[in-house]
N, C-alpha and C. Protein backbone atom coordinates (compact mmCIF):
# COMPACT_ATOMS: atom_id res chain seq x y z
N MET A 1 -208.39 -58.65 13.85
CA MET A 1 -208.42 -58.05 12.33
C MET A 1 -208.58 -56.55 12.42
N GLN A 2 -209.23 -56.12 13.34
CA GLN A 2 -209.62 -54.66 13.49
C GLN A 2 -208.35 -53.88 13.69
N ARG A 3 -207.44 -54.53 14.67
CA ARG A 3 -206.16 -53.74 14.96
C ARG A 3 -205.37 -53.64 13.66
N VAL A 4 -205.20 -54.76 12.94
CA VAL A 4 -204.43 -54.77 11.67
C VAL A 4 -204.84 -53.64 10.66
N ARG A 5 -206.31 -53.48 10.61
CA ARG A 5 -206.80 -52.58 9.62
C ARG A 5 -206.43 -51.12 9.97
N VAL A 6 -206.63 -50.94 11.47
CA VAL A 6 -206.23 -49.57 11.95
C VAL A 6 -204.84 -49.30 11.83
N GLY A 7 -203.91 -50.27 11.91
CA GLY A 7 -202.49 -50.06 11.95
C GLY A 7 -202.16 -49.83 10.36
N MET A 8 -202.82 -50.55 9.57
CA MET A 8 -202.24 -50.27 8.06
C MET A 8 -202.82 -49.03 7.62
N THR A 9 -204.05 -48.51 8.02
CA THR A 9 -204.53 -47.35 7.72
C THR A 9 -203.69 -46.14 8.29
N GLY A 10 -203.20 -46.44 9.42
CA GLY A 10 -202.30 -45.27 9.98
C GLY A 10 -200.99 -45.21 9.25
N LEU A 11 -200.39 -46.43 8.87
CA LEU A 11 -199.15 -46.41 8.09
C LEU A 11 -199.41 -45.78 6.72
N LEU A 12 -200.58 -46.04 6.08
CA LEU A 12 -200.91 -45.49 4.78
C LEU A 12 -201.07 -43.94 4.98
N ILE A 13 -201.64 -43.48 5.99
CA ILE A 13 -201.73 -42.10 6.24
C ILE A 13 -200.39 -41.42 6.33
N VAL A 14 -199.59 -41.80 7.10
CA VAL A 14 -198.24 -41.37 7.38
C VAL A 14 -197.43 -41.41 6.07
N LEU A 15 -197.54 -42.49 5.23
CA LEU A 15 -196.79 -42.46 3.93
C LEU A 15 -197.30 -41.43 3.04
N VAL A 16 -198.73 -41.09 2.96
CA VAL A 16 -199.35 -40.02 2.10
C VAL A 16 -198.74 -38.81 2.57
N LEU A 17 -198.75 -38.46 3.93
CA LEU A 17 -198.28 -37.17 4.38
C LEU A 17 -196.72 -37.09 3.97
N ILE A 18 -195.95 -38.03 4.17
CA ILE A 18 -194.61 -37.84 3.77
C ILE A 18 -194.40 -37.58 2.40
N GLY A 19 -195.11 -38.16 1.51
CA GLY A 19 -195.05 -38.05 -0.04
C GLY A 19 -195.50 -36.62 -0.26
N LEU A 20 -196.63 -36.32 0.38
CA LEU A 20 -197.10 -34.82 0.13
C LEU A 20 -195.92 -33.77 0.64
N ALA A 21 -195.40 -33.92 1.75
CA ALA A 21 -194.31 -33.07 2.15
C ALA A 21 -193.16 -33.08 1.26
N SER A 22 -192.80 -34.15 0.75
CA SER A 22 -191.54 -34.36 -0.18
C SER A 22 -192.02 -33.76 -1.64
N ALA A 23 -193.23 -33.73 -1.94
CA ALA A 23 -193.63 -33.11 -3.14
C ALA A 23 -193.50 -31.41 -3.05
N ILE A 24 -193.98 -30.89 -1.86
CA ILE A 24 -194.09 -29.56 -1.60
C ILE A 24 -192.68 -28.97 -1.48
N PHE A 25 -191.58 -29.74 -0.73
CA PHE A 25 -190.38 -29.28 -0.75
C PHE A 25 -189.62 -29.44 -2.07
N SER A 26 -189.78 -30.35 -2.81
CA SER A 26 -189.03 -30.53 -3.98
C SER A 26 -189.44 -29.30 -4.96
N SER A 27 -190.65 -29.03 -5.04
CA SER A 27 -191.29 -27.86 -5.87
C SER A 27 -190.64 -26.65 -5.42
N ALA A 28 -190.44 -26.44 -4.10
CA ALA A 28 -189.79 -25.30 -3.60
C ALA A 28 -188.48 -25.11 -3.75
N ASN A 29 -187.62 -26.21 -3.94
CA ASN A 29 -186.26 -26.26 -4.36
C ASN A 29 -186.02 -25.91 -5.90
N ARG A 30 -186.98 -26.13 -6.69
CA ARG A 30 -186.92 -25.86 -8.13
C ARG A 30 -187.09 -24.56 -8.56
N ASP A 31 -187.75 -23.68 -7.46
CA ASP A 31 -187.88 -22.24 -7.88
C ASP A 31 -186.61 -21.38 -8.09
N VAL A 32 -186.52 -20.49 -8.98
CA VAL A 32 -185.37 -19.83 -9.27
C VAL A 32 -185.27 -18.64 -8.07
N PRO A 33 -184.08 -18.50 -7.54
CA PRO A 33 -184.02 -17.46 -6.43
C PRO A 33 -184.20 -16.04 -6.97
N VAL A 34 -184.85 -15.30 -6.11
CA VAL A 34 -185.06 -14.08 -6.59
C VAL A 34 -183.94 -13.17 -6.39
N ALA A 35 -183.54 -12.24 -7.45
CA ALA A 35 -182.35 -11.44 -7.48
C ALA A 35 -182.81 -10.02 -7.27
N ALA A 36 -182.68 -9.32 -6.08
CA ALA A 36 -182.96 -7.98 -5.95
C ALA A 36 -181.91 -7.10 -6.47
N ILE A 37 -182.40 -5.87 -6.71
CA ILE A 37 -181.57 -4.99 -7.28
C ILE A 37 -180.54 -4.44 -6.12
N GLY A 38 -179.13 -4.52 -6.45
CA GLY A 38 -178.09 -4.17 -5.37
C GLY A 38 -177.75 -5.42 -4.49
N ALA A 39 -178.53 -6.54 -4.51
CA ALA A 39 -178.34 -7.65 -3.82
C ALA A 39 -176.91 -8.24 -4.23
N PRO A 40 -176.18 -8.83 -3.20
CA PRO A 40 -174.84 -9.59 -3.66
C PRO A 40 -175.22 -10.77 -4.45
N ASN A 41 -174.26 -11.16 -5.39
CA ASN A 41 -174.50 -12.24 -6.32
C ASN A 41 -173.89 -13.41 -5.54
N ALA A 42 -174.62 -14.58 -5.37
CA ALA A 42 -174.06 -15.59 -4.43
C ALA A 42 -172.85 -16.39 -5.10
N SER A 43 -172.80 -16.43 -6.32
CA SER A 43 -171.69 -17.15 -6.97
C SER A 43 -170.42 -16.25 -6.81
N VAL A 44 -170.56 -14.90 -6.79
CA VAL A 44 -169.35 -14.08 -6.81
C VAL A 44 -169.03 -14.10 -5.25
N VAL A 45 -169.89 -13.95 -4.13
CA VAL A 45 -169.56 -13.87 -2.80
C VAL A 45 -168.83 -15.21 -2.42
N ALA A 46 -169.28 -16.35 -3.03
CA ALA A 46 -168.75 -17.60 -2.65
C ALA A 46 -167.45 -17.78 -3.11
N ASN A 47 -166.84 -16.96 -4.15
CA ASN A 47 -165.63 -17.18 -4.56
C ASN A 47 -164.54 -16.04 -4.07
N ILE A 48 -164.90 -15.17 -3.22
CA ILE A 48 -164.12 -14.15 -2.63
C ILE A 48 -162.94 -14.78 -1.75
N SER A 49 -161.82 -14.24 -2.13
CA SER A 49 -160.69 -14.90 -1.32
C SER A 49 -159.89 -13.55 -0.75
N ASP A 50 -159.05 -13.74 0.16
CA ASP A 50 -158.30 -12.77 0.82
C ASP A 50 -157.06 -12.18 0.14
N GLY A 51 -156.92 -12.65 -1.15
CA GLY A 51 -155.90 -12.03 -1.91
C GLY A 51 -154.47 -12.65 -1.80
N THR A 52 -154.39 -13.73 -0.95
CA THR A 52 -153.19 -14.42 -0.87
C THR A 52 -152.98 -15.51 -1.78
N GLY A 53 -154.17 -15.89 -2.44
CA GLY A 53 -154.06 -17.07 -3.36
C GLY A 53 -154.43 -18.37 -2.77
N ALA A 54 -154.57 -18.30 -1.46
CA ALA A 54 -155.02 -19.67 -0.95
C ALA A 54 -156.59 -19.68 -0.89
N ASN A 55 -157.03 -20.82 -1.17
CA ASN A 55 -158.65 -20.81 -1.46
C ASN A 55 -159.18 -21.41 -0.08
N THR A 56 -158.41 -21.54 1.05
CA THR A 56 -159.09 -22.02 2.17
C THR A 56 -159.15 -20.92 3.23
N ILE A 57 -160.35 -21.05 4.06
CA ILE A 57 -160.43 -20.09 5.13
C ILE A 57 -160.11 -20.76 6.48
N VAL A 58 -159.23 -20.35 7.24
CA VAL A 58 -158.99 -20.97 8.48
C VAL A 58 -159.53 -20.10 9.59
N GLU A 59 -160.33 -20.82 10.35
CA GLU A 59 -160.92 -20.07 11.43
C GLU A 59 -160.28 -20.67 12.65
N LYS A 60 -160.19 -19.78 13.74
CA LYS A 60 -159.52 -20.13 14.95
C LYS A 60 -160.15 -21.15 15.80
N GLY A 61 -161.41 -21.25 15.76
CA GLY A 61 -162.12 -22.08 16.64
C GLY A 61 -162.56 -23.52 15.94
N LYS A 62 -162.18 -23.79 14.76
CA LYS A 62 -162.56 -24.89 14.11
C LYS A 62 -161.94 -26.12 14.62
N ASP A 63 -160.72 -26.02 15.33
CA ASP A 63 -160.13 -27.16 15.80
C ASP A 63 -160.72 -27.57 17.07
N GLU A 64 -161.51 -26.78 17.64
CA GLU A 64 -162.21 -27.14 18.95
C GLU A 64 -163.64 -26.98 18.93
N PRO A 65 -164.52 -27.75 18.38
CA PRO A 65 -165.94 -27.62 18.24
C PRO A 65 -166.54 -27.60 19.58
N LEU A 66 -166.15 -28.53 20.41
CA LEU A 66 -166.85 -28.54 21.80
C LEU A 66 -166.54 -27.24 22.54
N ALA A 67 -165.37 -26.76 22.52
CA ALA A 67 -165.10 -25.40 23.17
C ALA A 67 -165.88 -24.26 22.53
N GLU A 68 -166.12 -24.35 21.28
CA GLU A 68 -166.89 -23.19 20.59
C GLU A 68 -168.28 -23.43 21.05
N MET A 69 -168.91 -24.60 21.19
CA MET A 69 -170.23 -24.66 21.74
C MET A 69 -170.38 -24.34 23.13
N GLY A 70 -169.23 -24.32 23.92
CA GLY A 70 -169.33 -23.95 25.34
C GLY A 70 -169.33 -25.33 26.25
N VAL A 71 -169.26 -26.37 25.78
CA VAL A 71 -169.38 -27.66 26.35
C VAL A 71 -168.01 -28.08 27.30
N THR A 72 -166.94 -27.61 26.66
CA THR A 72 -165.62 -27.89 27.30
C THR A 72 -164.92 -26.45 27.45
N PRO A 73 -164.05 -26.36 28.27
CA PRO A 73 -163.17 -25.17 28.17
C PRO A 73 -162.17 -25.13 27.11
N SER A 74 -161.82 -23.92 26.57
CA SER A 74 -160.73 -23.92 25.48
C SER A 74 -159.52 -24.03 25.88
N THR A 75 -158.61 -24.76 25.07
CA THR A 75 -157.22 -24.94 25.56
C THR A 75 -156.44 -23.66 25.34
N THR A 76 -156.92 -22.62 24.77
CA THR A 76 -156.28 -21.35 24.65
C THR A 76 -156.24 -20.64 25.98
N SER A 77 -157.35 -20.97 26.88
CA SER A 77 -157.38 -20.23 28.13
C SER A 77 -156.38 -21.00 29.17
N THR A 78 -155.82 -22.00 28.89
CA THR A 78 -154.91 -22.70 29.77
C THR A 78 -153.62 -22.01 29.88
N GLU A 79 -153.16 -21.16 28.85
CA GLU A 79 -152.04 -20.52 28.74
C GLU A 79 -152.25 -19.27 30.04
N ALA A 80 -153.33 -18.61 29.95
CA ALA A 80 -153.55 -17.63 30.98
C ALA A 80 -153.57 -18.16 32.24
N ALA A 81 -154.10 -19.31 32.54
CA ALA A 81 -154.15 -20.01 33.85
C ALA A 81 -152.81 -20.41 34.22
N ALA A 82 -151.89 -20.97 33.45
CA ALA A 82 -150.67 -21.31 33.70
C ALA A 82 -149.74 -20.11 34.09
N ALA A 83 -149.99 -18.91 33.37
CA ALA A 83 -149.28 -17.76 33.78
C ALA A 83 -149.69 -17.12 35.14
N ALA A 84 -150.99 -17.18 35.51
CA ALA A 84 -151.34 -16.84 36.78
C ALA A 84 -150.84 -17.84 37.92
N LYS A 85 -150.77 -18.90 37.67
CA LYS A 85 -150.29 -20.02 38.54
C LYS A 85 -148.72 -19.74 38.86
N LEU A 86 -147.96 -19.47 37.72
CA LEU A 86 -146.56 -19.02 37.94
C LEU A 86 -146.48 -17.78 38.78
N ARG A 87 -147.29 -16.78 38.51
CA ARG A 87 -147.18 -15.65 39.25
C ARG A 87 -147.33 -15.92 40.76
N GLU A 88 -148.35 -16.75 41.00
CA GLU A 88 -148.78 -17.10 42.30
C GLU A 88 -147.57 -17.77 43.04
N GLN A 89 -146.98 -18.64 42.30
CA GLN A 89 -145.73 -19.33 42.85
C GLN A 89 -144.66 -18.33 43.14
N ALA A 90 -144.44 -17.41 42.24
CA ALA A 90 -143.35 -16.49 42.53
C ALA A 90 -143.72 -15.52 43.75
N ARG A 91 -144.91 -15.20 43.88
CA ARG A 91 -145.27 -14.30 45.02
C ARG A 91 -145.05 -15.11 46.39
N ARG A 92 -145.38 -16.55 46.32
CA ARG A 92 -145.05 -17.16 47.67
C ARG A 92 -143.70 -17.38 47.90
N GLN A 93 -142.70 -17.35 46.82
CA GLN A 93 -141.33 -17.55 47.13
C GLN A 93 -140.61 -16.09 47.55
N GLN A 94 -141.17 -14.95 47.48
CA GLN A 94 -140.64 -13.86 47.87
C GLN A 94 -140.89 -13.74 49.40
N PRO A 95 -139.75 -13.13 49.93
CA PRO A 95 -139.71 -13.00 51.41
C PRO A 95 -140.66 -11.91 51.80
């Protein structure tokens, strides 16, 4: 019976802490952001485009997230490696 009481007390304490943290973070999200003089307006900055009329921004590395993190090599570097390999083969064929 003692183990059950300790377990339930621990569970209740964890639930109270989660509720308290949730209340603190929700009140922080309701605050109005401070606008400093000369600071950029977030709604204007979010809607800036490059003038081409396209609303999408294409970044070069977005198609290779693992290469961007450095986990795998990038496929763009294979072109340079292939060119070096061809040069090496050409040097071997020369008398």
